[in-house]
Amino acid sequence: MMKSFTEHILTKALSQLVRRGSLTVVTADGKRLVFGDQTLPCASIRFSDHAAERAFLLDPDLQFGELFMNSRLIVEKGSIYDVLELLLRDAKSVKVNVLVQLLDKIRFASRRIFQRNQLQRAQANVAHHYDLDDRLYSLFLDTDRQYSCAYFEQPDQSLEQAQLAKKRHIAAKLLVEPSHRILDIGCGWGGMARYLTEIAGVSHVTGITLSKEQLSAATILAESSEQSQKLEFRLEDYRNTQELFDRIVSVGMFEHVGLGYHDVFFNKCRDMLTDDGVMLLHFIGNSDVPDFNNPWIEKYIFPGGHLPSLSECMPAIERSGLIVTDIEILRLHYAQTLRLWRQRFLARRTEAVALYDERFCRMWEFYLSMSETAFRYQDIAIFQIQLAKRQDSVPLTRDYIVSREQDLKQREAKRRNNLC
């Protein structure tokens, strides 16, 4: 009785979700269920046991990834990306069942509990992801290790070209000058800091991070830079930074601040910024109404993380006294970035298995695949918010971005020629 009921619910749910393409589901009893209009993409999955089927139906947001990681949901045709695409591209128009609705309400109500990013907990959350074996990231990132959304000026750009364009775009928006001292909050492996000193020619960049692995690598890379005397990297929480800076940049770090710490973050940035200073905040956000973090991502990839809507972070900016001088939304740029990361990771999957194991690699493939489909089919985007203390700190039109990018391109070419 339970088996037939589960099969009935599974059929009803997937019939609503999969309208285009073809998804074949093999139940634990061996029965084949086919969904969609039999066009591409085409994928097939199999449940290893009845409990896996029930788990998938009761809590798909968490269990789908766990079942795939643990080989209880097996992809027999296509890839896990194909399966996710089939399930998610029309999902916004589907009404979820009552139990999933209840789980969603509980997760939304408890968001702040999972985002209590006090100093010690914040460092532990960062270590969970960013202090993995450093060799893992070299498998799929660009040569400069930009672990954030690239900026595709043309759709056929390589990952290296698009990541360079991202750094150039951000530097142009920062309106940097040679005398400027810059703070990079969440500096990663230091690529943005090196660009600002080596290409933009600023006087000093301080990069802060909570990742010991990234700090070590950033420091080593800085020592090999011809501008090493202008670079400083520290293991430091932004709440403990004391200096004043002409410019502040933060790329891919605001997602780790936590909903309850928006006021703390923007107040601190205001205090660290000179009166004529400019800040550029680049982060993943929700372009729809506020929502809870995906529970699988929360548990396995980014504990303590949160993708804020503009309606959640803008009030904190207003309360801080900072002025929003520009907002740009990068749509689908991260989907393309993640596709290239996923392709690179899968091409070197054997090396990743040697570093960890098969289960870890399935987890990582699911993470990259789910993230890509979220940016393609869900309400997730990249926001770049430019902030200042004074209205006149930034030009009144956006023409300066293009002109500064052209100047930076010339500097890049000159540096390449000098290195040759």
Protein backbone atom coordinates (compact mmCIF):
# COMPACT_ATOMS: atom_id res chain seq x y z
CA MET A 1 0.00 0.00 0.00
CA MET A 2 2.77 2.42 0.93
CA LYS A 3 4.69 1.61 -2.24
CA SER A 4 1.76 2.35 -4.56
CA PHE A 5 0.94 5.53 -2.66
CA THR A 6 4.57 6.71 -2.94
CA GLU A 7 4.56 5.95 -6.64
CA HIS A 8 1.32 7.91 -7.05
CA ILE A 9 2.74 10.99 -5.28
CA LEU A 10 6.03 10.72 -7.19
CA THR A 11 4.16 10.58 -10.50
CA LYS A 12 1.98 13.55 -9.60
CA ALA A 13 4.92 15.68 -8.46
CA LEU A 14 7.21 14.95 -11.40
CA SER A 15 4.41 15.29 -13.96
CA GLN A 16 4.01 18.90 -12.82
CA LEU A 17 7.75 19.63 -12.73
CA VAL A 18 8.97 18.01 -15.95
CA ARG A 19 7.08 19.44 -18.90
CA ARG A 20 9.89 19.81 -21.45
CA GLY A 21 12.59 17.28 -22.17
CA SER A 22 12.56 13.69 -21.02
CA LEU A 23 13.11 12.26 -17.55
CA THR A 24 12.86 8.56 -16.86
CA VAL A 25 12.57 7.49 -13.21
CA VAL A 26 13.16 3.88 -12.23
CA THR A 27 11.54 3.17 -8.87
CA ALA A 28 12.95 0.90 -6.18
CA ASP A 29 10.55 -1.77 -7.49
CA GLY A 30 12.04 -1.46 -10.97
CA LYS A 31 9.06 0.29 -12.54
CA ARG A 32 9.91 2.88 -15.23
CA LEU A 33 8.08 6.21 -15.09
CA VAL A 34 8.56 8.62 -18.00
CA PHE A 35 7.95 12.36 -17.80
CA GLY A 36 8.11 15.30 -20.21
CA ASP A 37 7.51 15.77 -23.94
CA GLN A 38 10.41 13.47 -24.94
CA THR A 39 12.55 16.28 -26.35
CA LEU A 40 16.04 17.18 -25.10
CA PRO A 41 17.60 17.16 -22.58
CA CYS A 42 17.14 13.49 -21.80
CA ALA A 43 18.06 11.90 -18.47
CA SER A 44 17.30 8.85 -16.39
CA ILE A 45 17.56 8.29 -12.64
CA ARG A 46 17.01 5.31 -10.37
CA PHE A 47 16.08 5.14 -6.69
CA SER A 48 18.03 2.48 -4.82
CA ASP A 49 15.40 1.87 -2.12
CA HIS A 50 11.89 2.84 -1.04
CA ALA A 51 13.15 5.07 1.76
CA ALA A 52 15.05 7.12 -0.83
CA GLU A 53 11.83 7.74 -2.75
CA ARG A 54 10.01 8.87 0.38
CA ALA A 55 12.91 11.13 1.43
CA PHE A 56 12.94 12.77 -2.00
CA LEU A 57 9.23 13.53 -1.76
CA LEU A 58 9.21 14.69 1.87
CA ASP A 59 12.15 17.12 1.70
CA PRO A 60 13.51 17.52 -1.83
CA ASP A 61 15.53 20.67 -1.05
CA LEU A 62 17.76 18.74 1.36
CA GLN A 63 17.35 15.12 0.32
CA PHE A 64 17.91 15.37 -3.41
CA GLY A 65 21.56 16.30 -2.93
CA GLU A 66 22.07 13.86 -0.07
CA LEU A 67 20.59 10.96 -2.03
CA PHE A 68 22.85 11.71 -5.00
CA MET A 69 25.92 12.05 -2.75
CA ASN A 70 25.18 8.72 -1.07
CA SER A 71 24.41 6.84 -4.32
CA ARG A 72 20.80 6.26 -3.35
CA LEU A 73 19.65 8.34 -6.33
CA ILE A 74 21.70 7.13 -9.30
CA VAL A 75 21.92 8.99 -12.60
CA GLU A 76 21.87 6.27 -15.27
CA LYS A 77 21.60 8.50 -18.35
CA GLY A 78 22.76 12.07 -18.78
CA SER A 79 24.26 14.02 -15.90
CA ILE A 80 23.03 15.38 -12.59
CA TYR A 81 23.01 18.80 -14.27
CA ASP A 82 20.58 17.46 -16.90
CA VAL A 83 18.34 16.11 -14.15
CA LEU A 84 18.38 19.41 -12.26
CA GLU A 85 17.63 21.35 -15.43
CA LEU A 86 14.62 19.15 -16.15
CA LEU A 87 13.33 19.58 -12.59
CA LEU A 88 14.00 23.28 -12.07
CA ARG A 89 13.47 25.17 -15.30
CA ASP A 90 9.66 25.18 -14.94
CA ALA A 91 9.54 24.77 -11.16
CA LYS A 92 8.52 28.36 -10.41
CA SER A 93 5.06 27.74 -11.82
CA VAL A 94 4.47 24.61 -9.74
CA LYS A 95 2.75 24.70 -6.35
CA VAL A 96 4.57 22.54 -3.81
CA ASN A 97 2.76 20.13 -1.51
CA VAL A 98 1.54 21.05 1.96
CA LEU A 99 4.40 19.35 3.82
CA VAL A 100 7.07 21.09 1.74
CA GLN A 101 5.25 24.40 2.25
CA LEU A 102 5.40 23.82 6.02
CA LEU A 103 9.13 23.02 5.85
CA ASP A 104 9.70 26.18 3.82
CA LYS A 105 7.92 28.31 6.44
CA ILE A 106 9.95 26.75 9.26
CA ARG A 107 13.22 27.32 7.42
CA PHE A 108 12.31 30.91 6.61
CA ALA A 109 11.38 31.60 10.24
CA SER A 110 14.61 30.07 11.56
CA ARG A 111 17.02 31.80 9.17
CA ARG A 112 18.69 33.95 11.81
CA ILE A 113 19.43 30.93 14.01
CA PHE A 114 21.63 29.39 11.30
CA GLN A 115 23.26 32.74 10.49
CA ARG A 116 24.61 33.64 13.92
CA ASN A 117 28.00 34.57 12.56
CA GLN A 118 29.80 35.68 15.69
CA LEU A 119 33.57 36.04 15.32
CA GLN A 120 34.49 32.46 16.22
CA ARG A 121 31.62 30.86 14.37
CA ALA A 122 32.25 33.00 11.28
CA GLN A 123 35.81 31.69 11.04
CA ALA A 124 34.63 28.08 11.47
CA ASN A 125 32.05 28.56 8.71
CA VAL A 126 34.68 29.97 6.36
CA ALA A 127 37.10 27.14 7.17
CA HIS A 128 34.42 24.56 6.29
CA HIS A 129 34.61 25.56 2.63
CA TYR A 130 37.64 27.70 1.95
CA ASP A 131 40.17 25.70 3.96
CA LEU A 132 39.75 22.59 1.84
CA ASP A 133 42.86 21.22 0.16
CA ASP A 134 44.17 24.14 -1.87
CA ARG A 135 44.83 21.84 -4.82
CA LEU A 136 41.09 21.31 -5.24
CA TYR A 137 40.50 24.86 -6.39
CA SER A 138 43.33 24.71 -8.91
CA LEU A 139 41.37 21.99 -10.71
CA PHE A 140 38.65 24.32 -11.95
CA LEU A 141 39.40 28.01 -11.22
CA ASP A 142 41.23 30.34 -13.59
CA THR A 143 44.96 30.89 -13.20
CA ASP A 144 44.34 33.86 -10.88
CA ARG A 145 41.94 31.83 -8.72
CA GLN A 146 38.95 34.12 -8.91
CA TYR A 147 36.30 32.20 -6.96
CA SER A 148 33.44 34.53 -7.86
CA CYS A 149 31.30 35.46 -10.85
CA ALA A 150 33.19 36.34 -14.02
CA TYR A 151 32.13 39.18 -16.34
CA PHE A 152 31.52 38.04 -19.93
CA GLU A 153 31.90 40.99 -22.26
CA GLN A 154 31.38 38.51 -25.13
CA PRO A 155 29.65 35.13 -24.74
CA ASP A 156 32.58 33.18 -26.19
CA GLN A 157 35.20 34.57 -23.80
CA SER A 158 37.42 32.13 -21.95
CA LEU A 159 37.22 31.90 -18.18
CA GLU A 160 40.56 33.70 -17.86
CA GLN A 161 39.42 36.55 -20.10
CA ALA A 162 36.09 36.93 -18.31
CA GLN A 163 37.68 36.93 -14.86
CA LEU A 164 40.14 39.58 -15.98
CA ALA A 165 37.20 41.61 -17.30
CA LYS A 166 35.52 41.28 -13.88
CA LYS A 167 38.53 42.71 -12.07
CA ARG A 168 38.80 45.50 -14.64
CA HIS A 169 35.08 46.34 -14.32
CA ILE A 170 35.29 46.53 -10.53
CA ALA A 171 38.48 48.62 -10.58
CA ALA A 172 36.81 51.07 -12.98
CA LYS A 173 33.81 51.44 -10.67
CA LEU A 174 36.10 52.04 -7.70
CA LEU A 175 37.57 55.13 -9.42
CA VAL A 176 40.99 54.25 -8.07
CA GLU A 177 43.91 56.68 -8.13
CA PRO A 178 47.65 56.09 -7.47
CA SER A 179 47.48 57.58 -3.98
CA HIS A 180 44.64 55.40 -2.80
CA ARG A 181 44.79 52.89 0.02
CA ILE A 182 42.30 50.08 -0.47
CA LEU A 183 40.70 47.45 1.75
CA ASP A 184 39.67 44.15 0.17
CA ILE A 185 37.19 42.40 2.50
CA GLY A 186 37.24 38.66 1.83
CA CYS A 187 40.28 38.84 -0.42
CA GLY A 188 40.43 35.15 -1.38
CA TRP A 189 43.74 34.29 -3.02
CA GLY A 190 44.55 37.97 -3.52
CA GLY A 191 43.91 38.29 -7.25
CA MET A 192 41.85 41.47 -6.97
CA ALA A 193 44.44 43.06 -4.70
CA ARG A 194 47.26 42.22 -7.10
CA TYR A 195 45.31 43.67 -10.02
CA LEU A 196 44.77 46.92 -8.14
CA THR A 197 48.48 47.31 -7.44
CA GLU A 198 50.01 45.83 -10.60
CA ILE A 199 47.56 47.26 -13.16
CA ALA A 200 45.57 50.06 -11.52
CA GLY A 201 48.70 51.28 -9.74
CA VAL A 202 47.28 52.10 -6.30
CA SER A 203 49.64 52.78 -3.41
CA HIS A 204 48.54 49.98 -1.05
CA VAL A 205 45.98 47.18 -0.71
CA THR A 206 45.13 45.43 2.53
CA GLY A 207 43.38 42.11 2.01
CA ILE A 208 41.60 40.42 4.91
CA THR A 209 40.25 36.88 5.05
CA LEU A 210 39.17 34.27 7.58
CA SER A 211 40.63 31.40 5.57
CA LYS A 212 44.08 30.23 6.67
CA GLU A 213 44.60 28.35 3.41
CA GLN A 214 43.76 31.39 1.30
CA LEU A 215 45.89 33.66 3.46
CA SER A 216 48.91 31.39 3.04
CA ALA A 217 48.47 31.19 -0.75
CA ALA A 218 47.78 34.93 -1.10
CA THR A 219 50.91 35.78 0.87
CA ILE A 220 53.09 33.51 -1.27
CA LEU A 221 51.65 34.95 -4.49
CA ALA A 222 52.13 38.50 -3.19
CA GLU A 223 55.81 37.82 -2.55
CA SER A 224 56.27 37.00 -6.23
CA SER A 225 54.58 40.23 -7.36
CA GLU A 226 56.67 43.16 -8.57
CA GLN A 227 54.43 45.27 -6.32
CA SER A 228 54.85 43.09 -3.22
CA GLN A 229 55.65 46.10 -1.02
CA LYS A 230 52.16 47.46 -1.75
CA LEU A 231 50.35 44.26 -0.73
CA GLU A 232 49.37 43.16 2.76
CA PHE A 233 47.22 40.16 3.66
CA ARG A 234 45.87 39.43 7.13
CA LEU A 235 43.80 36.76 8.87
CA GLU A 236 41.22 39.18 10.19
CA ASP A 237 37.49 39.65 10.60
CA TYR A 238 36.23 42.91 9.10
CA ARG A 239 34.81 43.82 12.50
CA ASN A 240 38.35 44.04 13.88
CA THR A 241 39.87 46.21 11.14
CA GLN A 242 40.74 49.68 12.41
CA GLU A 243 42.31 51.77 9.62
CA LEU A 244 40.77 54.30 7.24
CA PHE A 245 40.70 53.53 3.51
CA ASP A 246 40.06 55.56 0.37
CA ARG A 247 38.35 52.61 -1.27
CA ILE A 248 36.74 49.40 -0.05
CA VAL A 249 36.02 46.43 -2.27
CA SER A 250 34.31 43.19 -1.30
CA VAL A 251 33.69 40.41 -3.82
CA GLY A 252 31.70 37.33 -2.82
CA MET A 253 31.99 37.89 0.93
CA PHE A 254 28.71 39.63 1.84
CA GLU A 255 26.85 36.32 1.41
CA HIS A 256 28.70 35.11 4.54
CA VAL A 257 27.82 38.10 6.75
CA GLY A 258 24.41 36.78 7.80
CA LEU A 259 21.02 38.46 7.88
CA GLY A 260 21.38 39.65 11.46
CA TYR A 261 24.71 41.39 10.79
CA HIS A 262 23.86 43.69 7.89
CA ASP A 263 23.82 46.76 10.12
CA VAL A 264 27.14 45.78 11.70
CA PHE A 265 28.71 45.30 8.26
CA PHE A 266 27.60 48.56 6.67
CA ASN A 267 28.23 50.63 9.80
CA LYS A 268 31.76 49.25 9.96
CA CYS A 269 32.36 49.95 6.27
CA ARG A 270 31.16 53.53 6.77
CA ASP A 271 33.56 53.98 9.67
CA MET A 272 36.50 52.62 7.65
CA LEU A 273 35.81 54.78 4.58
CA THR A 274 37.28 58.25 4.16
CA ASP A 275 34.82 61.11 3.65
CA ASP A 276 35.35 61.10 -0.12
CA GLY A 277 35.72 57.33 -0.30
CA VAL A 278 33.96 54.84 -2.56
CA MET A 279 32.99 51.22 -1.92
CA LEU A 280 32.05 48.46 -4.39
CA LEU A 281 30.10 45.50 -3.02
CA HIS A 282 29.76 42.47 -5.32
CA PHE A 283 27.56 39.63 -4.02
CA ILE A 284 25.11 36.87 -4.89
CA GLY A 285 21.57 37.90 -4.09
CA ASN A 286 17.95 36.98 -4.49
CA SER A 287 16.18 39.05 -7.15
CA ASP A 288 12.80 37.91 -5.81
CA VAL A 289 11.32 38.33 -2.34
CA PRO A 290 13.46 37.31 0.70
CA ASP A 291 13.91 33.59 1.07
CA PHE A 292 15.75 31.00 3.18
CA ASN A 293 19.08 29.53 2.20
CA ASN A 294 18.98 26.19 0.42
CA PRO A 295 19.27 23.62 3.25
CA TRP A 296 21.62 21.31 1.32
CA ILE A 297 23.97 24.23 0.55
CA GLU A 298 23.67 25.33 4.18
CA LYS A 299 24.61 21.90 5.51
CA TYR A 300 27.35 20.80 3.12
CA ILE A 301 28.79 23.81 1.29
CA PHE A 302 28.30 27.22 2.92
CA PRO A 303 27.18 27.01 6.57
CA GLY A 304 26.02 30.36 7.88
CA GLY A 305 25.51 31.75 4.39
CA HIS A 306 22.61 33.84 3.12
CA LEU A 307 21.62 35.25 -0.28
CA PRO A 308 19.99 38.58 0.55
CA SER A 309 17.34 40.36 -1.47
CA LEU A 310 17.84 44.06 -2.09
CA SER A 311 14.90 44.66 0.21
CA GLU A 312 16.90 43.06 3.04
CA CYS A 313 20.21 44.87 2.62
CA MET A 314 19.06 48.30 1.42
CA PRO A 315 17.50 49.33 4.77
CA ALA A 316 20.81 48.57 6.52
CA ILE A 317 22.67 50.69 3.96
CA GLU A 318 20.24 53.54 4.53
CA ARG A 319 20.61 53.29 8.31
CA SER A 320 24.40 53.36 8.01
CA GLY A 321 24.40 56.74 6.30
CA LEU A 322 26.09 55.42 3.16
CA ILE A 323 24.69 56.60 -0.18
CA VAL A 324 23.90 54.19 -3.00
CA THR A 325 25.48 55.72 -6.10
CA ASP A 326 25.06 52.83 -8.54
CA ILE A 327 23.53 49.35 -8.76
CA GLU A 328 24.25 46.89 -11.55
CA ILE A 329 22.72 43.43 -11.84
CA LEU A 330 24.75 40.80 -13.66
CA ARG A 331 22.22 38.31 -15.06
CA LEU A 332 23.42 34.88 -16.21
CA HIS A 333 27.11 35.79 -15.95
CA TYR A 334 27.45 33.42 -12.99
CA ALA A 335 25.57 30.65 -14.81
CA GLN A 336 28.24 30.74 -17.52
CA THR A 337 31.01 30.95 -14.92
CA LEU A 338 29.67 27.90 -13.12
CA ARG A 339 29.30 25.98 -16.38
CA LEU A 340 32.98 26.50 -17.12
CA TRP A 341 33.92 25.56 -13.55
CA ARG A 342 31.81 22.39 -13.77
CA GLN A 343 33.33 21.40 -17.10
CA ARG A 344 36.84 21.93 -15.78
CA PHE A 345 36.11 20.04 -12.57
CA LEU A 346 34.64 17.05 -14.41
CA ALA A 347 37.58 17.01 -16.82
CA ARG A 348 39.91 16.55 -13.83
CA ARG A 349 37.55 14.55 -11.65
CA THR A 350 40.07 11.72 -11.21
CA GLU A 351 42.43 14.16 -9.51
CA ALA A 352 39.65 15.32 -7.20
CA VAL A 353 38.90 11.72 -6.23
CA ALA A 354 42.58 11.26 -5.38
CA LEU A 355 42.40 14.31 -3.10
CA TYR A 356 39.17 13.23 -1.38
CA ASP A 357 36.85 10.41 -2.47
CA GLU A 358 33.92 9.56 -4.74
CA ARG A 359 31.29 10.85 -2.32
CA PHE A 360 33.04 14.22 -2.07
CA CYS A 361 33.21 14.47 -5.84
CA ARG A 362 29.51 13.71 -6.19
CA MET A 363 28.84 16.42 -3.60
CA TRP A 364 30.99 18.90 -5.51
CA GLU A 365 29.41 18.03 -8.86
CA PHE A 366 25.96 18.51 -7.34
CA TYR A 367 27.02 21.85 -5.83
CA LEU A 368 28.32 23.22 -9.15
CA SER A 369 25.35 21.82 -11.10
CA MET A 370 22.70 23.05 -8.71
CA SER A 371 24.31 26.48 -8.49
CA GLU A 372 24.34 26.81 -12.27
CA THR A 373 20.69 25.82 -12.63
CA ALA A 374 19.77 28.25 -9.84
CA PHE A 375 21.34 31.12 -11.76
CA ARG A 376 19.74 30.01 -15.03
CA TYR A 377 16.23 29.20 -13.86
CA GLN A 378 15.70 30.59 -10.36
CA ASP A 379 15.69 34.18 -9.04
CA ILE A 380 19.40 34.37 -8.25
CA ALA A 381 21.71 37.06 -9.63
CA ILE A 382 24.86 39.05 -8.94
CA PHE A 383 24.47 42.54 -7.51
CA GLN A 384 27.16 45.20 -7.67
CA ILE A 385 26.33 48.09 -5.36
CA GLN A 386 28.50 51.19 -5.40
CA LEU A 387 28.43 53.18 -2.16
CA ALA A 388 29.84 56.49 -0.97
CA LYS A 389 29.59 58.92 1.91
CA ARG A 390 29.08 61.95 -0.31
CA GLN A 391 26.95 62.55 -3.40
CA ASP A 392 29.84 64.10 -5.34
CA SER A 393 32.33 61.27 -4.79
CA VAL A 394 31.21 59.62 -8.05
CA PRO A 395 30.58 61.18 -11.50
CA LEU A 396 26.98 61.96 -12.37
CA THR A 397 26.97 59.73 -15.46
CA ARG A 398 28.30 56.19 -16.00
CA ASP A 399 30.57 57.12 -18.94
CA TYR A 400 33.60 56.98 -16.67
CA ILE A 401 33.29 53.19 -16.35
CA VAL A 402 33.94 52.62 -20.07
CA SER A 403 36.75 55.18 -20.27
CA ARG A 404 38.49 53.76 -17.20
CA GLU A 405 38.12 50.21 -18.50
CA GLN A 406 39.80 51.27 -21.75
CA ASP A 407 42.68 52.80 -19.80
CA LEU A 408 43.04 49.63 -17.73
CA LYS A 409 43.05 47.48 -20.90
CA GLN A 410 45.95 49.54 -22.22
CA ARG A 411 47.82 49.06 -18.95
CA GLU A 412 47.19 45.31 -19.10
CA ALA A 413 48.59 45.17 -22.65
CA LYS A 414 51.64 47.21 -21.67
CA ARG A 415 52.32 44.91 -18.72
CA ARG A 416 52.01 41.82 -20.93
CA ASN A 417 54.49 43.31 -23.38
CA ASN A 418 56.92 44.14 -20.58
CA LEU A 419 56.70 40.59 -19.20
CA CYS A 420 57.44 39.20 -22.65
